[in-house]
Amino acid sequence: MPPVAVARVRIGLPASRSLKEKRAVLRALLDRLRGRFNVSAAEVGAQDVHHLAEIGIAVVSGEPSVARRVLDEVVHFLETSVELDGRAEVLRVETGLR
């Protein structure tokens, strides 16, 4: 079984006033993560709360160190991204290697 690095990220969306606004922000963010880092990413929790999101991210690699490094880069991107532009903020990150 190849190593898989996983993260569960809780994101606050303070400016979101509806589920439609939340999903627009999340769709752009998830597409960006998939394209830039070649990871699997999806909304995995808080689907019915417009000011909060939980996303899951997975990285599969032949080497555990590579999977972990890519996941660390994704988390760093999320925590420091100017692309979120105040529309979203990382509240909590849980990571693991399986």
PDB file of N, CA and C in Angstrom:
ATOM      1  N   MET A   1       0.850  -1.182   0.000  1.00  0.00           N
ATOM      2  CA  MET A   1       0.000   0.000   0.000  1.00  0.00           C
ATOM      3  C   MET A   1       0.891   1.239   0.000  1.00  0.00           C
ATOM      4  N   PRO A   2       0.719   2.131  -0.973  1.00  0.00           N
ATOM      5  CA  PRO A   2       1.554   3.331  -1.004  1.00  0.00           C
ATOM      6  C   PRO A   2       1.192   4.272   0.148  1.00  0.00           C
ATOM      7  N   PRO A   3       2.153   5.063   0.594  1.00  0.00           N
ATOM      8  CA  PRO A   3       1.865   6.011   1.669  1.00  0.00           C
ATOM      9  C   PRO A   3       0.916   7.107   1.202  1.00  0.00           C
ATOM     10  N   VAL A   4       0.039   7.504   2.107  1.00  0.00           N
ATOM     11  CA  VAL A   4      -0.930   8.558   1.830  1.00  0.00           C
ATOM     12  C   VAL A   4      -0.854   9.578   2.961  1.00  0.00           C
ATOM     13  N   ALA A   5      -0.561  10.819   2.613  1.00  0.00           N
ATOM     14  CA  ALA A   5      -0.594  11.914   3.587  1.00  0.00           C
ATOM     15  C   ALA A   5      -1.969  12.566   3.483  1.00  0.00           C
ATOM     16  N   VAL A   6      -2.599  12.782   4.632  1.00  0.00           N
ATOM     17  CA  VAL A   6      -3.952  13.343   4.639  1.00  0.00           C
ATOM     18  C   VAL A   6      -4.023  14.546   5.577  1.00  0.00           C
ATOM     19  N   ALA A   7      -4.943  15.437   5.253  1.00  0.00           N
ATOM     20  CA  ALA A   7      -5.194  16.596   6.114  1.00  0.00           C
ATOM     21  C   ALA A   7      -6.689  16.866   6.135  1.00  0.00           C
ATOM     22  N   ARG A   8      -7.135  17.319   7.274  1.00  0.00           N
ATOM     23  CA  ARG A   8      -8.498  17.829   7.429  1.00  0.00           C
ATOM     24  C   ARG A   8      -8.328  19.272   7.876  1.00  0.00           C
ATOM     25  N   VAL A   9      -8.858  20.195   7.091  1.00  0.00           N
ATOM     26  CA  VAL A   9      -8.649  21.614   7.335  1.00  0.00           C
ATOM     27  C   VAL A   9      -9.996  22.285   7.571  1.00  0.00           C
ATOM     28  N   ARG A  10     -10.100  22.954   8.708  1.00  0.00           N
ATOM     29  CA  ARG A  10     -11.314  23.738   9.014  1.00  0.00           C
ATOM     30  C   ARG A  10     -11.043  25.174   8.594  1.00  0.00           C
ATOM     31  N   ILE A  11     -11.948  25.710   7.816  1.00  0.00           N
ATOM     32  CA  ILE A  11     -11.784  27.045   7.246  1.00  0.00           C
ATOM     33  C   ILE A  11     -12.971  27.910   7.650  1.00  0.00           C
ATOM     34  N   GLY A  12     -12.677  29.108   8.129  1.00  0.00           N
ATOM     35  CA  GLY A  12     -13.715  30.084   8.423  1.00  0.00           C
ATOM     36  C   GLY A  12     -13.959  30.949   7.199  1.00  0.00           C
ATOM     37  N   LEU A  13     -15.205  31.239   6.938  1.00  0.00           N
ATOM     38  CA  LEU A  13     -15.600  32.084   5.812  1.00  0.00           C
ATOM     39  C   LEU A  13     -16.449  33.239   6.349  1.00  0.00           C
ATOM     40  N   PRO A  14     -15.818  34.186   7.029  1.00  0.00           N
ATOM     41  CA  PRO A  14     -16.583  35.220   7.727  1.00  0.00           C
ATOM     42  C   PRO A  14     -17.419  36.122   6.823  1.00  0.00           C
ATOM     43  N   ALA A  15     -17.012  36.307   5.586  1.00  0.00           N
ATOM     44  CA  ALA A  15     -17.744  37.199   4.686  1.00  0.00           C
ATOM     45  C   ALA A  15     -18.862  36.491   3.929  1.00  0.00           C
ATOM     46  N   SER A  16     -18.929  35.190   4.049  1.00  0.00           N
ATOM     47  CA  SER A  16     -19.935  34.428   3.311  1.00  0.00           C
ATOM     48  C   SER A  16     -21.310  34.634   3.932  1.00  0.00           C
ATOM     49  N   ARG A  17     -22.263  35.022   3.093  1.00  0.00           N
ATOM     50  CA  ARG A  17     -23.622  35.258   3.580  1.00  0.00           C
ATOM     51  C   ARG A  17     -24.604  34.180   3.150  1.00  0.00           C
ATOM     52  N   SER A  18     -24.121  33.236   2.333  1.00  0.00           N
ATOM     53  CA  SER A  18     -25.011  32.176   1.865  1.00  0.00           C
ATOM     54  C   SER A  18     -24.189  30.954   1.481  1.00  0.00           C
ATOM     55  N   LEU A  19     -24.871  29.835   1.331  1.00  0.00           N
ATOM     56  CA  LEU A  19     -24.188  28.624   0.879  1.00  0.00           C
ATOM     57  C   LEU A  19     -23.661  28.789  -0.542  1.00  0.00           C
ATOM     58  N   LYS A  20     -24.359  29.576  -1.345  1.00  0.00           N
ATOM     59  CA  LYS A  20     -23.912  29.829  -2.717  1.00  0.00           C
ATOM     60  C   LYS A  20     -22.566  30.555  -2.723  1.00  0.00           C
ATOM     61  N   GLU A  21     -22.409  31.561  -1.886  1.00  0.00           N
ATOM     62  CA  GLU A  21     -21.136  32.280  -1.776  1.00  0.00           C
ATOM     63  C   GLU A  21     -20.042  31.352  -1.248  1.00  0.00           C
ATOM     64  N   LYS A  22     -20.373  30.562  -0.229  1.00  0.00           N
ATOM     65  CA  LYS A  22     -19.403  29.627   0.339  1.00  0.00           C
ATOM     66  C   LYS A  22     -18.908  28.664  -0.728  1.00  0.00           C
ATOM     67  N   ARG A  23     -19.808  28.082  -1.478  1.00  0.00           N
ATOM     68  CA  ARG A  23     -19.420  27.092  -2.484  1.00  0.00           C
ATOM     69  C   ARG A  23     -18.600  27.705  -3.603  1.00  0.00           C
ATOM     70  N   ALA A  24     -18.850  28.959  -3.938  1.00  0.00           N
ATOM     71  CA  ALA A  24     -18.046  29.637  -4.969  1.00  0.00           C
ATOM     72  C   ALA A  24     -16.600  29.784  -4.497  1.00  0.00           C
ATOM     73  N   VAL A  25     -16.429  30.196  -3.246  1.00  0.00           N
ATOM     74  CA  VAL A  25     -15.077  30.334  -2.693  1.00  0.00           C
ATOM     75  C   VAL A  25     -14.397  28.971  -2.618  1.00  0.00           C
ATOM     76  N   LEU A  26     -15.112  27.968  -2.109  1.00  0.00           N
ATOM     77  CA  LEU A  26     -14.535  26.629  -1.975  1.00  0.00           C
ATOM     78  C   LEU A  26     -14.198  26.006  -3.324  1.00  0.00           C
ATOM     79  N   ARG A  27     -15.074  26.173  -4.295  1.00  0.00           N
ATOM     80  CA  ARG A  27     -14.824  25.601  -5.622  1.00  0.00           C
ATOM     81  C   ARG A  27     -13.525  26.155  -6.203  1.00  0.00           C
ATOM     82  N   ALA A  28     -13.342  27.465  -6.099  1.00  0.00           N
ATOM     83  CA  ALA A  28     -12.117  28.083  -6.608  1.00  0.00           C
ATOM     84  C   ALA A  28     -10.898  27.593  -5.829  1.00  0.00           C
ATOM     85  N   LEU A  29     -11.020  27.495  -4.530  1.00  0.00           N
ATOM     86  CA  LEU A  29      -9.906  27.047  -3.697  1.00  0.00           C
ATOM     87  C   LEU A  29      -9.534  25.589  -3.984  1.00  0.00           C
ATOM     88  N   LEU A  30     -10.517  24.724  -4.046  1.00  0.00           N
ATOM     89  CA  LEU A  30     -10.256  23.305  -4.298  1.00  0.00           C
ATOM     90  C   LEU A  30      -9.662  23.091  -5.694  1.00  0.00           C
ATOM     91  N   ASP A  31     -10.180  23.813  -6.673  1.00  0.00           N
ATOM     92  CA  ASP A  31      -9.615  23.719  -8.026  1.00  0.00           C
ATOM     93  C   ASP A  31      -8.165  24.164  -8.046  1.00  0.00           C
ATOM     94  N   ARG A  32      -7.876  25.218  -7.309  1.00  0.00           N
ATOM     95  CA  ARG A  32      -6.500  25.727  -7.238  1.00  0.00           C
ATOM     96  C   ARG A  32      -5.566  24.700  -6.584  1.00  0.00           C
ATOM     97  N   LEU A  33      -6.011  24.087  -5.496  1.00  0.00           N
ATOM     98  CA  LEU A  33      -5.197  23.070  -4.821  1.00  0.00           C
ATOM     99  C   LEU A  33      -4.935  21.876  -5.732  1.00  0.00           C
ATOM    100  N   ARG A  34      -5.982  21.420  -6.409  1.00  0.00           N
ATOM    101  CA  ARG A  34      -5.828  20.269  -7.310  1.00  0.00           C
ATOM    102  C   ARG A  34      -4.860  20.585  -8.448  1.00  0.00           C
ATOM    103  N   GLY A  35      -4.988  21.758  -9.032  1.00  0.00           N
ATOM    104  CA  GLY A  35      -4.146  22.127 -10.162  1.00  0.00           C
ATOM    105  C   GLY A  35      -2.710  22.426  -9.789  1.00  0.00           C
ATOM    106  N   ARG A  36      -2.524  23.127  -8.693  1.00  0.00           N
ATOM    107  CA  ARG A  36      -1.177  23.547  -8.299  1.00  0.00           C
ATOM    108  C   ARG A  36      -0.360  22.429  -7.658  1.00  0.00           C
ATOM    109  N   PHE A  37      -1.014  21.579  -6.863  1.00  0.00           N
ATOM    110  CA  PHE A  37      -0.281  20.571  -6.093  1.00  0.00           C
ATOM    111  C   PHE A  37      -0.573  19.127  -6.511  1.00  0.00           C
ATOM    112  N   ASN A  38      -1.499  18.917  -7.438  1.00  0.00           N
ATOM    113  CA  ASN A  38      -1.865  17.573  -7.888  1.00  0.00           C
ATOM    114  C   ASN A  38      -2.283  16.681  -6.717  1.00  0.00           C
ATOM    115  N   VAL A  39      -3.202  17.186  -5.911  1.00  0.00           N
ATOM    116  CA  VAL A  39      -3.727  16.463  -4.753  1.00  0.00           C
ATOM    117  C   VAL A  39      -5.216  16.194  -4.955  1.00  0.00           C
ATOM    118  N   SER A  40      -5.749  15.290  -4.165  1.00  0.00           N
ATOM    119  CA  SER A  40      -7.195  15.112  -4.102  1.00  0.00           C
ATOM    120  C   SER A  40      -7.705  16.016  -2.996  1.00  0.00           C
ATOM    121  N   ALA A  41      -8.764  16.744  -3.278  1.00  0.00           N
ATOM    122  CA  ALA A  41      -9.303  17.673  -2.286  1.00  0.00           C
ATOM    123  C   ALA A  41     -10.814  17.768  -2.460  1.00  0.00           C
ATOM    124  N   ALA A  42     -11.526  17.785  -1.329  1.00  0.00           N
ATOM    125  CA  ALA A  42     -12.985  17.857  -1.369  1.00  0.00           C
ATOM    126  C   ALA A  42     -13.513  18.429  -0.065  1.00  0.00           C
ATOM    127  N   GLU A  43     -14.720  18.974  -0.128  1.00  0.00           N
ATOM    128  CA  GLU A  43     -15.413  19.403   1.086  1.00  0.00           C
ATOM    129  C   GLU A  43     -15.886  18.144   1.803  1.00  0.00           C
ATOM    130  N   VAL A  44     -15.538  18.014   3.082  1.00  0.00           N
ATOM    131  CA  VAL A  44     -15.859  16.788   3.820  1.00  0.00           C
ATOM    132  C   VAL A  44     -16.702  17.018   5.070  1.00  0.00           C
ATOM    133  N   GLY A  45     -17.009  18.256   5.374  1.00  0.00           N
ATOM    134  CA  GLY A  45     -17.811  18.525   6.565  1.00  0.00           C
ATOM    135  C   GLY A  45     -18.381  19.919   6.539  1.00  0.00           C
ATOM    136  N   ALA A  46     -19.319  20.173   7.425  1.00  0.00           N
ATOM    137  CA  ALA A  46     -19.970  21.477   7.579  1.00  0.00           C
ATOM    138  C   ALA A  46     -20.596  21.955   6.272  1.00  0.00           C
ATOM    139  N   GLN A  47     -21.150  21.036   5.492  1.00  0.00           N
ATOM    140  CA  GLN A  47     -21.706  21.417   4.192  1.00  0.00           C
ATOM    141  C   GLN A  47     -22.878  22.385   4.276  1.00  0.00           C
ATOM    142  N   ASP A  48     -23.613  22.375   5.358  1.00  0.00           N
ATOM    143  CA  ASP A  48     -24.803  23.220   5.455  1.00  0.00           C
ATOM    144  C   ASP A  48     -24.596  24.473   6.302  1.00  0.00           C
ATOM    145  N   VAL A  49     -23.346  24.805   6.597  1.00  0.00           N
ATOM    146  CA  VAL A  49     -23.033  26.002   7.392  1.00  0.00           C
ATOM    147  C   VAL A  49     -22.310  26.985   6.479  1.00  0.00           C
ATOM    148  N   HIS A  50     -22.906  28.161   6.251  1.00  0.00           N
ATOM    149  CA  HIS A  50     -22.354  29.065   5.238  1.00  0.00           C
ATOM    150  C   HIS A  50     -21.079  29.781   5.664  1.00  0.00           C
ATOM    151  N   HIS A  51     -20.756  29.844   6.928  1.00  0.00           N
ATOM    152  CA  HIS A  51     -19.563  30.571   7.364  1.00  0.00           C
ATOM    153  C   HIS A  51     -18.417  29.655   7.811  1.00  0.00           C
ATOM    154  N   LEU A  52     -18.557  28.348   7.549  1.00  0.00           N
ATOM    155  CA  LEU A  52     -17.561  27.377   7.976  1.00  0.00           C
ATOM    156  C   LEU A  52     -17.459  26.262   6.939  1.00  0.00           C
ATOM    157  N   ALA A  53     -16.233  25.763   6.726  1.00  0.00           N
ATOM    158  CA  ALA A  53     -16.033  24.645   5.799  1.00  0.00           C
ATOM    159  C   ALA A  53     -14.975  23.711   6.361  1.00  0.00           C
ATOM    160  N   GLU A  54     -15.076  22.446   6.005  1.00  0.00           N
ATOM    161  CA  GLU A  54     -14.040  21.469   6.305  1.00  0.00           C
ATOM    162  C   GLU A  54     -13.688  20.795   4.999  1.00  0.00           C
ATOM    163  N   ILE A  55     -12.402  20.815   4.683  1.00  0.00           N
ATOM    164  CA  ILE A  55     -11.958  20.156   3.466  1.00  0.00           C
ATOM    165  C   ILE A  55     -10.979  19.052   3.815  1.00  0.00           C
ATOM    166  N   GLY A  56     -11.000  18.015   3.016  1.00  0.00           N
ATOM    167  CA  GLY A  56     -10.061  16.914   3.158  1.00  0.00           C
ATOM    168  C   GLY A  56      -9.105  16.952   1.978  1.00  0.00           C
ATOM    169  N   ILE A  57      -7.842  16.676   2.255  1.00  0.00           N
ATOM    170  CA  ILE A  57      -6.803  16.688   1.233  1.00  0.00           C
ATOM    171  C   ILE A  57      -6.012  15.400   1.371  1.00  0.00           C
ATOM    172  N   ALA A  58      -5.706  14.755   0.237  1.00  0.00           N
ATOM    173  CA  ALA A  58      -4.923  13.523   0.249  1.00  0.00           C
ATOM    174  C   ALA A  58      -3.833  13.591  -0.809  1.00  0.00           C
ATOM    175  N   VAL A  59      -2.651  13.085  -0.430  1.00  0.00           N
ATOM    176  CA  VAL A  59      -1.501  13.014  -1.329  1.00  0.00           C
ATOM    177  C   VAL A  59      -0.988  11.588  -1.315  1.00  0.00           C
ATOM    178  N   VAL A  60      -0.896  10.965  -2.489  1.00  0.00           N
ATOM    179  CA  VAL A  60      -0.369   9.611  -2.600  1.00  0.00           C
ATOM    180  C   VAL A  60       0.978   9.694  -3.307  1.00  0.00           C
ATOM    181  N   SER A  61       1.961   8.988  -2.763  1.00  0.00           N
ATOM    182  CA  SER A  61       3.301   8.994  -3.342  1.00  0.00           C
ATOM    183  C   SER A  61       3.984   7.663  -3.050  1.00  0.00           C
ATOM    184  N   GLY A  62       5.021   7.380  -3.803  1.00  0.00           N
ATOM    185  CA  GLY A  62       5.795   6.175  -3.553  1.00  0.00           C
ATOM    186  C   GLY A  62       6.658   6.280  -2.312  1.00  0.00           C
ATOM    187  N   GLU A  63       6.931   7.490  -1.884  1.00  0.00           N
ATOM    188  CA  GLU A  63       7.784   7.734  -0.720  1.00  0.00           C
ATOM    189  C   GLU A  63       7.015   8.528   0.334  1.00  0.00           C
ATOM    190  N   PRO A  64       7.016   8.082   1.584  1.00  0.00           N
ATOM    191  CA  PRO A  64       6.321   8.829   2.642  1.00  0.00           C
ATOM    192  C   PRO A  64       6.820  10.269   2.779  1.00  0.00           C
ATOM    193  N   SER A  65       8.123  10.481   2.623  1.00  0.00           N
ATOM    194  CA  SER A  65       8.676  11.829   2.788  1.00  0.00           C
ATOM    195  C   SER A  65       8.165  12.777   1.709  1.00  0.00           C
ATOM    196  N   VAL A  66       7.959  12.273   0.506  1.00  0.00           N
ATOM    197  CA  VAL A  66       7.443  13.106  -0.583  1.00  0.00           C
ATOM    198  C   VAL A  66       5.985  13.465  -0.319  1.00  0.00           C
ATOM    199  N   ALA A  67       5.194  12.487   0.090  1.00  0.00           N
ATOM    200  CA  ALA A  67       3.781  12.743   0.387  1.00  0.00           C
ATOM    201  C   ALA A  67       3.662  13.783   1.492  1.00  0.00           C
ATOM    202  N   ARG A  68       4.462  13.644   2.527  1.00  0.00           N
ATOM    203  CA  ARG A  68       4.416  14.579   3.658  1.00  0.00           C
ATOM    204  C   ARG A  68       4.852  15.982   3.243  1.00  0.00           C
ATOM    205  N   ARG A  69       5.904  16.064   2.412  1.00  0.00           N
ATOM    206  CA  ARG A  69       6.396  17.361   1.957  1.00  0.00           C
ATOM    207  C   ARG A  69       5.342  18.099   1.128  1.00  0.00           C
ATOM    208  N   VAL A  70       4.691  17.372   0.212  1.00  0.00           N
ATOM    209  CA  VAL A  70       3.650  17.996  -0.610  1.00  0.00           C
ATOM    210  C   VAL A  70       2.499  18.479   0.272  1.00  0.00           C
ATOM    211  N   LEU A  71       2.095  17.659   1.236  1.00  0.00           N
ATOM    212  CA  LEU A  71       1.010  18.059   2.128  1.00  0.00           C
ATOM    213  C   LEU A  71       1.408  19.290   2.946  1.00  0.00           C
ATOM    214  N   ASP A  72       2.635  19.329   3.422  1.00  0.00           N
ATOM    215  CA  ASP A  72       3.117  20.511   4.156  1.00  0.00           C
ATOM    216  C   ASP A  72       3.071  21.754   3.279  1.00  0.00           C
ATOM    217  N   GLU A  73       3.402  21.609   1.990  1.00  0.00           N
ATOM    218  CA  GLU A  73       3.345  22.747   1.059  1.00  0.00           C
ATOM    219  C   GLU A  73       1.906  23.219   0.868  1.00  0.00           C
ATOM    220  N   VAL A  74       0.976  22.277   0.795  1.00  0.00           N
ATOM    221  CA  VAL A  74      -0.436  22.632   0.650  1.00  0.00           C
ATOM    222  C   VAL A  74      -0.918  23.409   1.882  1.00  0.00           C
ATOM    223  N   VAL A  75      -0.602  22.903   3.061  1.00  0.00           N
ATOM    224  CA  VAL A  75      -1.018  23.571   4.297  1.00  0.00           C
ATOM    225  C   VAL A  75      -0.396  24.961   4.389  1.00  0.00           C
ATOM    226  N   HIS A  76       0.882  25.072   4.052  1.00  0.00           N
ATOM    227  CA  HIS A  76       1.543  26.383   4.064  1.00  0.00           C
ATOM    228  C   HIS A  76       0.852  27.339   3.085  1.00  0.00           C
ATOM    229  N   PHE A  77       0.526  26.851   1.910  1.00  0.00           N
ATOM    230  CA  PHE A  77      -0.186  27.664   0.923  1.00  0.00           C
ATOM    231  C   PHE A  77      -1.509  28.172   1.499  1.00  0.00           C
ATOM    232  N   LEU A  78      -2.266  27.270   2.137  1.00  0.00           N
ATOM    233  CA  LEU A  78      -3.553  27.665   2.703  1.00  0.00           C
ATOM    234  C   LEU A  78      -3.397  28.697   3.812  1.00  0.00           C
ATOM    235  N   GLU A  79      -2.391  28.532   4.643  1.00  0.00           N
ATOM    236  CA  GLU A  79      -2.212  29.434   5.787  1.00  0.00           C
ATOM    237  C   GLU A  79      -1.666  30.797   5.384  1.00  0.00           C
ATOM    238  N   THR A  80      -0.993  30.879   4.248  1.00  0.00           N
ATOM    239  CA  THR A  80      -0.355  32.146   3.863  1.00  0.00           C
ATOM    240  C   THR A  80      -0.895  32.739   2.568  1.00  0.00           C
ATOM    241  N   SER A  81      -1.891  32.132   1.988  1.00  0.00           N
ATOM    242  CA  SER A  81      -2.351  32.526   0.660  1.00  0.00           C
ATOM    243  C   SER A  81      -3.029  33.884   0.657  1.00  0.00           C
ATOM    244  N   VAL A  82      -2.522  34.767  -0.183  1.00  0.00           N
ATOM    245  CA  VAL A  82      -3.196  36.054  -0.380  1.00  0.00           C
ATOM    246  C   VAL A  82      -4.403  35.874  -1.290  1.00  0.00           C
ATOM    247  N   GLU A  83      -4.478  34.724  -1.971  1.00  0.00           N
ATOM    248  CA  GLU A  83      -5.609  34.461  -2.851  1.00  0.00           C
ATOM    249  C   GLU A  83      -6.913  34.338  -2.076  1.00  0.00           C
ATOM    250  N   LEU A  84      -6.819  33.983  -0.809  1.00  0.00           N
ATOM    251  CA  LEU A  84      -8.023  33.899   0.004  1.00  0.00           C
ATOM    252  C   LEU A  84      -8.553  35.289   0.324  1.00  0.00           C
ATOM    253  N   ASP A  85      -7.668  36.287   0.312  1.00  0.00           N
ATOM    254  CA  ASP A  85      -8.029  37.703   0.345  1.00  0.00           C
ATOM    255  C   ASP A  85      -9.096  38.050   1.379  1.00  0.00           C
ATOM    256  N   GLY A  86      -8.965  37.507   2.573  1.00  0.00           N
ATOM    257  CA  GLY A  86      -9.912  37.824   3.628  1.00  0.00           C
ATOM    258  C   GLY A  86     -11.244  37.107   3.513  1.00  0.00           C
ATOM    259  N   ARG A  87     -11.439  36.370   2.425  1.00  0.00           N
ATOM    260  CA  ARG A  87     -12.698  35.640   2.248  1.00  0.00           C
ATOM    261  C   ARG A  87     -12.710  34.360   3.064  1.00  0.00           C
ATOM    262  N   ALA A  88     -11.507  33.870   3.410  1.00  0.00           N
ATOM    263  CA  ALA A  88     -11.411  32.610   4.151  1.00  0.00           C
ATOM    264  C   ALA A  88     -10.158  32.632   5.013  1.00  0.00           C
ATOM    265  N   GLU A  89     -10.227  31.923   6.132  1.00  0.00           N
ATOM    266  CA  GLU A  89      -9.064  31.812   7.008  1.00  0.00           C
ATOM    267  C   GLU A  89      -9.001  30.398   7.581  1.00  0.00           C
ATOM    268  N   VAL A  90      -7.797  29.883   7.690  1.00  0.00           N
ATOM    269  CA  VAL A  90      -7.596  28.543   8.237  1.00  0.00           C
ATOM    270  C   VAL A  90      -7.753  28.618   9.752  1.00  0.00           C
ATOM    271  N   LEU A  91      -8.652  27.804  10.290  1.00  0.00           N
ATOM    272  CA  LEU A  91      -8.914  27.769  11.720  1.00  0.00           C
ATOM    273  C   LEU A  91      -8.178  26.615  12.417  1.00  0.00           C
ATOM    274  N   ARG A  92      -8.118  25.456  11.727  1.00  0.00           N
ATOM    275  CA  ARG A  92      -7.504  24.283  12.330  1.00  0.00           C
ATOM    276  C   ARG A  92      -7.033  23.333  11.232  1.00  0.00           C
ATOM    277  N   VAL A  93      -5.904  22.683  11.481  1.00  0.00           N
ATOM    278  CA  VAL A  93      -5.377  21.707  10.540  1.00  0.00           C
ATOM    279  C   VAL A  93      -5.008  20.440  11.311  1.00  0.00           C
ATOM    280  N   GLU A  94      -5.488  19.302  10.827  1.00  0.00           N
ATOM    281  CA  GLU A  94      -5.108  17.994  11.377  1.00  0.00           C
ATOM    282  C   GLU A  94      -4.473  17.214  10.224  1.00  0.00           C
ATOM    283  N   THR A  95      -3.274  16.680  10.456  1.00  0.00           N
ATOM    284  CA  THR A  95      -2.609  15.923   9.398  1.00  0.00           C
ATOM    285  C   THR A  95      -2.199  14.541   9.903  1.00  0.00           C
ATOM    286  N   GLY A  96      -1.956  13.668   8.946  1.00  0.00           N
ATOM    287  CA  GLY A  96      -1.500  12.327   9.290  1.00  0.00           C
ATOM    288  C   GLY A  96      -0.930  11.636   8.072  1.00  0.00           C
ATOM    289  N   LEU A  97      -0.227  10.547   8.329  1.00  0.00           N
ATOM    290  CA  LEU A  97       0.363   9.740   7.263  1.00  0.00           C
ATOM    291  C   LEU A  97      -0.118   8.316   7.453  1.00  0.00           C
ATOM    292  N   ARG A  98      -0.676   7.748   6.402  1.00  0.00           N
ATOM    293  CA  ARG A  98      -1.232   6.384   6.493  1.00  0.00           C
ATOM    294  C   ARG A  98      -0.544   5.492   5.494  1.00  0.00           C
TER     295      ARG A  98
END
